Amino acid sequence: MAKIFAKNLSKKNVMSSDGSILGALYNVVIDIRTGELINLVVKPDMSVDRNMYRAEGNYMLIPFGAVRAIKDVMVVDKTEALKR
């Protein structure tokens, strides 16, 4: 994946691979030892069933490994993003 500045990700919409909007990117979780991105912290859209996803407070946690594309929106693989 190409290099992208964090400020360009701020408030970017997050969409699942089936085309539904999950919400807006709120923050990211990073492993400070390795610099690896762990999770996207997403403020969920009102239409999303948050029980299907891992959550922390009012936010959903989407594993960064589920990200498939970052352009105008962030596209995540729905099967990878669902709670396990």
N, C-alpha and C. Protein backbone atom coordinates (compact mmCIF):
# COMPACT_ATOMS: atom_id res chain seq x y z
N MET A 1 0.85 -1.17 0.00
CA MET A 1 0.00 0.00 0.00
C MET A 1 0.90 1.24 0.00
N ALA A 2 0.51 2.25 -0.76
CA ALA A 2 1.28 3.49 -0.85
C ALA A 2 1.28 4.24 0.47
N LYS A 3 2.26 5.11 0.65
CA LYS A 3 2.33 5.92 1.86
C LYS A 3 1.24 6.98 1.84
N ILE A 4 0.57 7.15 2.99
CA ILE A 4 -0.50 8.13 3.12
C ILE A 4 -0.31 8.85 4.45
N PHE A 5 -0.42 10.16 4.46
CA PHE A 5 -0.29 10.93 5.68
C PHE A 5 -1.53 10.76 6.54
N ALA A 6 -1.33 10.65 7.84
CA ALA A 6 -2.44 10.45 8.77
C ALA A 6 -3.46 11.57 8.68
N LYS A 7 -3.02 12.81 8.47
CA LYS A 7 -3.97 13.92 8.40
C LYS A 7 -4.91 13.77 7.21
N ASN A 8 -4.51 13.03 6.17
CA ASN A 8 -5.38 12.80 5.02
C ASN A 8 -6.44 11.73 5.30
N LEU A 9 -6.30 11.00 6.38
CA LEU A 9 -7.27 9.97 6.75
C LEU A 9 -8.36 10.51 7.67
N SER A 10 -8.11 11.64 8.29
CA SER A 10 -9.02 12.19 9.28
C SER A 10 -10.44 12.33 8.73
N LYS A 11 -11.39 11.74 9.45
CA LYS A 11 -12.82 11.79 9.15
C LYS A 11 -13.19 11.18 7.80
N LYS A 12 -12.31 10.38 7.24
CA LYS A 12 -12.60 9.70 5.97
C LYS A 12 -13.67 8.64 6.22
N ASN A 13 -14.62 8.51 5.30
CA ASN A 13 -15.65 7.47 5.44
C ASN A 13 -15.04 6.09 5.27
N VAL A 14 -15.57 5.14 6.04
CA VAL A 14 -15.13 3.75 5.96
C VAL A 14 -16.30 2.95 5.39
N MET A 15 -16.03 2.20 4.31
CA MET A 15 -17.05 1.45 3.60
C MET A 15 -16.66 -0.02 3.59
N SER A 16 -17.66 -0.89 3.74
CA SER A 16 -17.37 -2.33 3.67
C SER A 16 -17.31 -2.75 2.21
N SER A 17 -16.78 -3.92 1.97
CA SER A 17 -16.60 -4.43 0.62
C SER A 17 -17.93 -4.66 -0.10
N ASP A 18 -19.04 -4.70 0.65
CA ASP A 18 -20.35 -4.85 -0.01
C ASP A 18 -20.97 -3.50 -0.35
N GLY A 19 -20.25 -2.40 -0.11
CA GLY A 19 -20.70 -1.07 -0.50
C GLY A 19 -21.44 -0.29 0.57
N SER A 20 -21.63 -0.86 1.76
CA SER A 20 -22.33 -0.13 2.81
C SER A 20 -21.35 0.72 3.62
N ILE A 21 -21.80 1.92 3.99
CA ILE A 21 -20.98 2.82 4.80
C ILE A 21 -21.01 2.33 6.25
N LEU A 22 -19.83 2.11 6.82
CA LEU A 22 -19.74 1.70 8.22
C LEU A 22 -19.70 2.91 9.15
N GLY A 23 -19.07 3.97 8.70
CA GLY A 23 -18.97 5.17 9.52
C GLY A 23 -17.80 6.03 9.08
N ALA A 24 -17.34 6.88 9.98
CA ALA A 24 -16.22 7.78 9.70
C ALA A 24 -15.04 7.43 10.59
N LEU A 25 -13.85 7.47 10.02
CA LEU A 25 -12.64 7.20 10.79
C LEU A 25 -12.49 8.23 11.89
N TYR A 26 -12.33 7.77 13.11
CA TYR A 26 -12.17 8.65 14.26
C TYR A 26 -10.71 8.69 14.71
N ASN A 27 -10.06 7.52 14.70
CA ASN A 27 -8.69 7.42 15.19
C ASN A 27 -8.10 6.11 14.70
N VAL A 28 -6.83 5.88 14.99
CA VAL A 28 -6.19 4.61 14.68
C VAL A 28 -5.46 4.13 15.93
N VAL A 29 -5.29 2.81 16.04
CA VAL A 29 -4.51 2.21 17.13
C VAL A 29 -3.22 1.70 16.53
N ILE A 30 -2.10 2.12 17.13
CA ILE A 30 -0.78 1.77 16.62
C ILE A 30 0.02 1.07 17.71
N ASP A 31 0.76 0.03 17.34
CA ASP A 31 1.70 -0.61 18.26
C ASP A 31 2.92 0.30 18.34
N ILE A 32 3.15 0.91 19.49
CA ILE A 32 4.23 1.89 19.59
C ILE A 32 5.63 1.28 19.49
N ARG A 33 5.73 -0.02 19.74
CA ARG A 33 7.04 -0.67 19.63
C ARG A 33 7.42 -0.91 18.17
N THR A 34 6.45 -1.31 17.36
CA THR A 34 6.75 -1.68 15.97
C THR A 34 6.29 -0.65 14.96
N GLY A 35 5.37 0.24 15.35
CA GLY A 35 4.80 1.20 14.42
C GLY A 35 3.69 0.62 13.56
N GLU A 36 3.34 -0.63 13.82
CA GLU A 36 2.31 -1.31 13.03
C GLU A 36 0.93 -0.76 13.37
N LEU A 37 0.11 -0.52 12.33
CA LEU A 37 -1.28 -0.12 12.55
C LEU A 37 -2.07 -1.36 12.94
N ILE A 38 -2.79 -1.27 14.06
CA ILE A 38 -3.54 -2.41 14.58
C ILE A 38 -5.01 -2.33 14.21
N ASN A 39 -5.67 -1.23 14.57
CA ASN A 39 -7.10 -1.08 14.34
C ASN A 39 -7.44 0.31 13.84
N LEU A 40 -8.54 0.38 13.08
CA LEU A 40 -9.19 1.65 12.79
C LEU A 40 -10.25 1.83 13.86
N VAL A 41 -10.37 3.02 14.40
CA VAL A 41 -11.42 3.34 15.35
C VAL A 41 -12.45 4.14 14.56
N VAL A 42 -13.64 3.56 14.40
CA VAL A 42 -14.65 4.13 13.50
C VAL A 42 -15.87 4.58 14.29
N LYS A 43 -16.28 5.83 14.05
CA LYS A 43 -17.55 6.31 14.60
C LYS A 43 -18.64 5.76 13.68
N PRO A 44 -19.45 4.82 14.18
CA PRO A 44 -20.38 4.11 13.30
C PRO A 44 -21.51 4.97 12.77
N ASP A 45 -21.90 4.66 11.53
CA ASP A 45 -23.08 5.25 10.93
C ASP A 45 -24.30 4.73 11.69
N MET A 46 -25.35 5.52 11.76
CA MET A 46 -26.54 5.13 12.52
C MET A 46 -27.19 3.85 11.99
N SER A 47 -26.99 3.53 10.73
CA SER A 47 -27.64 2.36 10.14
C SER A 47 -26.87 1.05 10.37
N VAL A 48 -25.68 1.12 10.96
CA VAL A 48 -24.83 -0.06 11.14
C VAL A 48 -25.21 -0.82 12.41
N ASP A 49 -25.28 -2.15 12.30
CA ASP A 49 -25.49 -3.00 13.46
C ASP A 49 -24.14 -3.17 14.16
N ARG A 50 -23.92 -2.37 15.19
CA ARG A 50 -22.61 -2.37 15.86
C ARG A 50 -22.32 -3.67 16.58
N ASN A 51 -23.32 -4.48 16.87
CA ASN A 51 -23.10 -5.75 17.56
C ASN A 51 -22.31 -6.74 16.72
N MET A 52 -22.23 -6.51 15.43
CA MET A 52 -21.50 -7.42 14.55
C MET A 52 -19.99 -7.15 14.56
N TYR A 53 -19.59 -6.02 15.12
CA TYR A 53 -18.20 -5.60 15.09
C TYR A 53 -17.66 -5.46 16.51
N ARG A 54 -16.34 -5.62 16.66
CA ARG A 54 -15.74 -5.36 17.97
C ARG A 54 -15.95 -3.89 18.29
N ALA A 55 -16.17 -3.61 19.56
CA ALA A 55 -16.45 -2.23 19.94
C ALA A 55 -15.65 -1.83 21.16
N GLU A 56 -15.46 -0.53 21.28
CA GLU A 56 -14.87 0.06 22.47
C GLU A 56 -15.63 1.35 22.71
N GLY A 57 -16.45 1.35 23.75
CA GLY A 57 -17.31 2.50 23.99
C GLY A 57 -18.31 2.65 22.85
N ASN A 58 -18.38 3.84 22.30
CA ASN A 58 -19.30 4.12 21.19
C ASN A 58 -18.68 3.91 19.82
N TYR A 59 -17.50 3.33 19.78
CA TYR A 59 -16.76 3.19 18.52
C TYR A 59 -16.57 1.72 18.15
N MET A 60 -16.42 1.48 16.85
CA MET A 60 -16.13 0.13 16.35
C MET A 60 -14.64 0.04 16.08
N LEU A 61 -14.08 -1.14 16.33
CA LEU A 61 -12.67 -1.40 16.05
C LEU A 61 -12.60 -2.32 14.83
N ILE A 62 -11.99 -1.83 13.78
CA ILE A 62 -11.83 -2.59 12.54
C ILE A 62 -10.35 -2.93 12.40
N PRO A 63 -10.01 -4.22 12.30
CA PRO A 63 -8.59 -4.57 12.15
C PRO A 63 -7.99 -3.93 10.89
N PHE A 64 -6.80 -3.37 11.02
CA PHE A 64 -6.18 -2.72 9.87
C PHE A 64 -5.94 -3.72 8.74
N GLY A 65 -5.77 -4.99 9.08
CA GLY A 65 -5.58 -6.01 8.05
C GLY A 65 -6.77 -6.17 7.12
N ALA A 66 -7.92 -5.64 7.52
CA ALA A 66 -9.12 -5.72 6.69
C ALA A 66 -9.18 -4.63 5.63
N VAL A 67 -8.29 -3.62 5.73
CA VAL A 67 -8.30 -2.52 4.76
C VAL A 67 -7.85 -3.03 3.40
N ARG A 68 -8.66 -2.74 2.38
CA ARG A 68 -8.34 -3.17 1.01
C ARG A 68 -7.97 -2.00 0.11
N ALA A 69 -8.48 -0.81 0.39
CA ALA A 69 -8.16 0.35 -0.45
C ALA A 69 -8.40 1.63 0.36
N ILE A 70 -7.59 2.64 0.02
CA ILE A 70 -7.77 3.96 0.61
C ILE A 70 -7.72 4.95 -0.54
N LYS A 71 -8.85 5.50 -0.85
CA LYS A 71 -8.95 6.54 -1.88
C LYS A 71 -9.82 7.65 -1.30
N ASP A 72 -10.96 7.92 -1.93
CA ASP A 72 -11.92 8.89 -1.38
C ASP A 72 -12.56 8.33 -0.11
N VAL A 73 -12.68 7.01 -0.04
CA VAL A 73 -13.17 6.30 1.15
C VAL A 73 -12.18 5.20 1.47
N MET A 74 -12.27 4.67 2.69
CA MET A 74 -11.47 3.49 3.05
C MET A 74 -12.37 2.28 2.86
N VAL A 75 -11.93 1.32 2.09
CA VAL A 75 -12.71 0.11 1.85
C VAL A 75 -12.11 -1.01 2.67
N VAL A 76 -12.97 -1.68 3.46
CA VAL A 76 -12.52 -2.80 4.28
C VAL A 76 -13.27 -4.06 3.86
N ASP A 77 -12.59 -5.19 3.94
CA ASP A 77 -13.19 -6.48 3.64
C ASP A 77 -14.15 -6.81 4.79
N LYS A 78 -15.42 -6.94 4.47
CA LYS A 78 -16.45 -7.12 5.50
C LYS A 78 -16.21 -8.38 6.31
N THR A 79 -15.84 -9.47 5.68
CA THR A 79 -15.66 -10.73 6.42
C THR A 79 -14.47 -10.62 7.39
N GLU A 80 -13.45 -9.86 7.02
CA GLU A 80 -12.29 -9.68 7.91
C GLU A 80 -12.62 -8.71 9.05
N ALA A 81 -13.54 -7.80 8.81
CA ALA A 81 -13.86 -6.76 9.80
C ALA A 81 -14.84 -7.22 10.87
N LEU A 82 -15.62 -8.26 10.59
CA LEU A 82 -16.63 -8.71 11.54
C LEU A 82 -15.99 -9.27 12.80
N LYS A 83 -16.72 -9.14 13.91
CA LYS A 83 -16.26 -9.61 15.22
C LYS A 83 -16.02 -11.11 15.17
N ARG A 84 -14.97 -11.52 15.79
CA ARG A 84 -14.64 -12.95 15.83
C ARG A 84 -14.87 -13.51 17.19
